[in-house]
């Protein structure tokens, strides 16, 4: 995945990842804590994509 450089906090997370975490939490609450709910699953996948982009940037940064 190629992305523009991200501003990572001291823990190595971007604001995009943090926002995706909030969206995942909200989706899980909205789904009544049903981890098989499609809305939750879509949010979870999006969060993992953001985490992967952060991780790739961290690996590429000397």
Protein backbone atom coordinates (compact mmCIF):
# COMPACT_ATOMS: atom_id res chain seq x y z
CA UNK A 1 0.00 0.00 0.00
CA UNK A 2 1.43 3.36 -1.00
CA UNK A 3 0.33 6.37 1.00
CA UNK A 4 1.53 9.88 1.62
CA UNK A 5 3.74 10.31 4.68
CA UNK A 6 1.69 10.20 7.88
CA UNK A 7 2.24 12.13 11.06
CA UNK A 8 2.74 9.42 13.66
CA UNK A 9 2.44 10.05 17.37
CA UNK A 10 5.01 8.82 19.91
CA UNK A 11 3.34 5.39 19.90
CA UNK A 12 3.58 5.13 16.10
CA UNK A 13 -0.11 5.71 15.34
CA UNK A 14 -1.52 8.21 12.85
CA UNK A 15 -4.66 10.25 13.35
CA UNK A 16 -6.22 8.11 10.60
CA UNK A 17 -5.67 4.97 12.66
CA UNK A 18 -7.02 6.59 15.82
CA UNK A 19 -10.13 7.72 13.93
CA UNK A 20 -10.58 4.20 12.54
CA UNK A 21 -10.37 2.81 16.09
CA UNK A 22 -13.19 5.11 17.18
CA UNK A 23 -15.24 4.06 14.15
CA UNK A 24 -14.67 0.38 14.98
CA UNK A 25 -15.72 0.95 18.59
CA UNK A 26 -18.84 2.81 17.47
CA UNK A 27 -19.69 0.08 14.95
CA UNK A 28 -19.39 -2.60 17.60
CA UNK A 29 -21.68 -0.68 19.95
CA UNK A 30 -24.17 -0.07 17.15
CA UNK A 31 -24.07 -3.78 16.29
CA UNK A 32 -24.98 -4.67 19.87
CA UNK A 33 -21.49 -6.15 20.41
CA UNK A 34 -22.11 -8.63 17.57
CA UNK A 35 -18.68 -9.20 16.08
CA UNK A 36 -20.29 -10.91 13.07
CA UNK A 37 -22.18 -7.77 12.06
CA UNK A 38 -21.20 -6.59 8.55
CA UNK A 39 -20.86 -2.93 9.65
CA UNK A 40 -18.48 -3.94 12.43
CA UNK A 41 -16.52 -6.20 10.08
CA UNK A 42 -16.11 -3.41 7.53
CA UNK A 43 -14.91 -1.02 10.24
CA UNK A 44 -12.49 -3.65 11.57
CA UNK A 45 -11.00 -4.19 8.10
CA UNK A 46 -10.60 -0.44 7.61
CA UNK A 47 -8.86 -0.13 10.98
CA UNK A 48 -6.45 -2.93 10.10
CA UNK A 49 -5.64 -1.21 6.79
CA UNK A 50 -4.80 2.01 8.64
CA UNK A 51 -2.62 0.12 11.13
CA UNK A 52 -0.82 -1.58 8.25
CA UNK A 53 -0.11 1.77 6.59
CA UNK A 54 1.31 3.12 9.87
CA UNK A 55 3.44 0.01 10.30
CA UNK A 56 4.76 0.23 6.73
CA UNK A 57 5.75 3.84 7.25
CA UNK A 58 7.48 3.00 10.52
CA UNK A 59 9.45 0.23 8.80
CA UNK A 60 10.45 2.56 5.95
CA UNK A 61 11.63 5.32 8.29
CA UNK A 62 15.28 5.00 9.28
